[in-house]
C-alpha atoms as a PDB file:
ATOM      1  CA  MET A   1     -34.172  20.105 -56.948  1.00  0.00           C
ATOM      2  CA  ALA A   2     -36.558  21.475 -54.375  1.00  0.00           C
ATOM      3  CA  ASN A   3     -38.163  24.800 -55.197  1.00  0.00           C
ATOM      4  CA  PRO A   4     -40.248  26.978 -52.872  1.00  0.00           C
ATOM      5  CA  LYS A   5     -44.003  26.824 -53.499  1.00  0.00           C
ATOM      6  CA  HIS A   6     -44.624  30.373 -52.233  1.00  0.00           C
ATOM      7  CA  LYS A   7     -42.633  33.572 -51.976  1.00  0.00           C
ATOM      8  CA  LEU A   8     -41.018  34.099 -48.578  1.00  0.00           C
ATOM      9  CA  SER A   9     -41.759  37.516 -47.146  1.00  0.00           C
ATOM     10  CA  LYS A  10     -38.956  39.857 -46.119  1.00  0.00           C
ATOM     11  CA  SER A  11     -40.009  39.711 -42.471  1.00  0.00           C
ATOM     12  CA  LYS A  12     -40.025  35.900 -42.449  1.00  0.00           C
ATOM     13  CA  ARG A  13     -36.587  35.836 -44.107  1.00  0.00           C
ATOM     14  CA  ASP A  14     -35.189  38.399 -41.662  1.00  0.00           C
ATOM     15  CA  LYS A  15     -36.569  36.557 -38.637  1.00  0.00           C
ATOM     16  CA  ARG A  16     -34.555  33.531 -39.685  1.00  0.00           C
ATOM     17  CA  ARG A  17     -31.406  35.676 -40.003  1.00  0.00           C
ATOM     18  CA  THR A  18     -31.595  37.273 -36.533  1.00  0.00           C
ATOM     19  CA  HIS A  19     -28.640  35.212 -35.299  1.00  0.00           C
ATOM     20  CA  TYR A  20     -26.370  36.157 -38.222  1.00  0.00           C
ATOM     21  CA  LYS A  21     -24.852  39.126 -36.431  1.00  0.00           C
ATOM     22  CA  LEU A  22     -21.264  40.055 -35.636  1.00  0.00           C
ATOM     23  CA  GLU A  23     -19.898  39.835 -32.141  1.00  0.00           C
ATOM     24  CA  GLY A  24     -17.877  42.579 -30.549  1.00  0.00           C
ATOM     25  CA  VAL A  25     -14.107  42.266 -30.357  1.00  0.00           C
ATOM     26  CA  SER A  26     -12.950  41.023 -26.958  1.00  0.00           C
ATOM     27  CA  PHE A  27     -10.027  42.730 -25.254  1.00  0.00           C
ATOM     28  CA  GLN A  28      -7.907  41.741 -22.281  1.00  0.00           C
ATOM     29  CA  LEU A  29      -5.731  43.940 -20.111  1.00  0.00           C
ATOM     30  CA  CYS A  30      -1.988  43.419 -20.413  1.00  0.00           C
ATOM     31  CA  PRO A  31      -0.624  42.221 -17.051  1.00  0.00           C
ATOM     32  CA  GLN A  32       2.528  44.345 -17.509  1.00  0.00           C
ATOM     33  CA  CYS A  33       1.229  47.766 -18.598  1.00  0.00           C
ATOM     34  CA  ARG A  34      -2.562  47.349 -18.080  1.00  0.00           C
ATOM     35  CA  ASP A  35      -3.320  48.495 -21.649  1.00  0.00           C
ATOM     36  CA  PRO A  36      -6.021  46.659 -23.646  1.00  0.00           C
ATOM     37  CA  LYS A  37      -4.738  44.026 -26.078  1.00  0.00           C
ATOM     38  CA  LEU A  38      -6.145  41.171 -28.147  1.00  0.00           C
ATOM     39  CA  PRO A  39      -6.061  37.778 -26.420  1.00  0.00           C
ATOM     40  CA  HIS A  40      -3.151  35.506 -27.467  1.00  0.00           C
ATOM     41  CA  HIS A  41      -1.301  38.452 -29.069  1.00  0.00           C
ATOM     42  CA  ILE A  42       1.794  40.448 -28.144  1.00  0.00           C
ATOM     43  CA  CYS A  43       0.989  43.701 -26.345  1.00  0.00           C
ATOM     44  CA  PRO A  44       1.542  46.543 -28.841  1.00  0.00           C
ATOM     45  CA  ASN A  45       2.405  48.976 -26.045  1.00  0.00           C
ATOM     46  CA  CYS A  46       5.055  47.124 -24.018  1.00  0.00           C
ATOM     47  CA  GLY A  47       5.886  44.174 -26.315  1.00  0.00           C
ATOM     48  CA  SER A  48       5.334  41.446 -23.736  1.00  0.00           C
ATOM     49  CA  TYR A  49       3.641  38.062 -24.087  1.00  0.00           C
ATOM     50  CA  LYS A  50       2.977  35.609 -21.237  1.00  0.00           C
ATOM     51  CA  GLY A  51       5.001  37.653 -18.765  1.00  0.00           C
ATOM     52  CA  ARG A  52       8.192  38.019 -20.801  1.00  0.00           C
ATOM     53  CA  THR A  53       9.395  40.696 -23.214  1.00  0.00           C
ATOM     54  CA  VAL A  54       9.230  39.438 -26.800  1.00  0.00           C
ATOM     55  CA  ILE A  55       9.951  42.641 -28.729  1.00  0.00           C
ATOM     56  CA  GLU A  56      11.638  45.838 -27.653  1.00  0.00           C
ATOM     57  CA  THR A  57       9.461  48.953 -27.819  1.00  0.00           C
ATOM     58  CA  ASP A  58      10.241  52.589 -27.154  1.00  0.00           C
END
């Protein structure tokens, strides 16, 4: 197995890991009630998906 010849510094290690970050959650506005919702999910406020009511909400 390959082993490193020299110790890798913390800054060198962290420079390699700069792209290992989380992305923010994307939201879309519901076309029915204009509340933010997750894409490809039922709207928790009005219960609609793709222009039709899927679940009844109060």
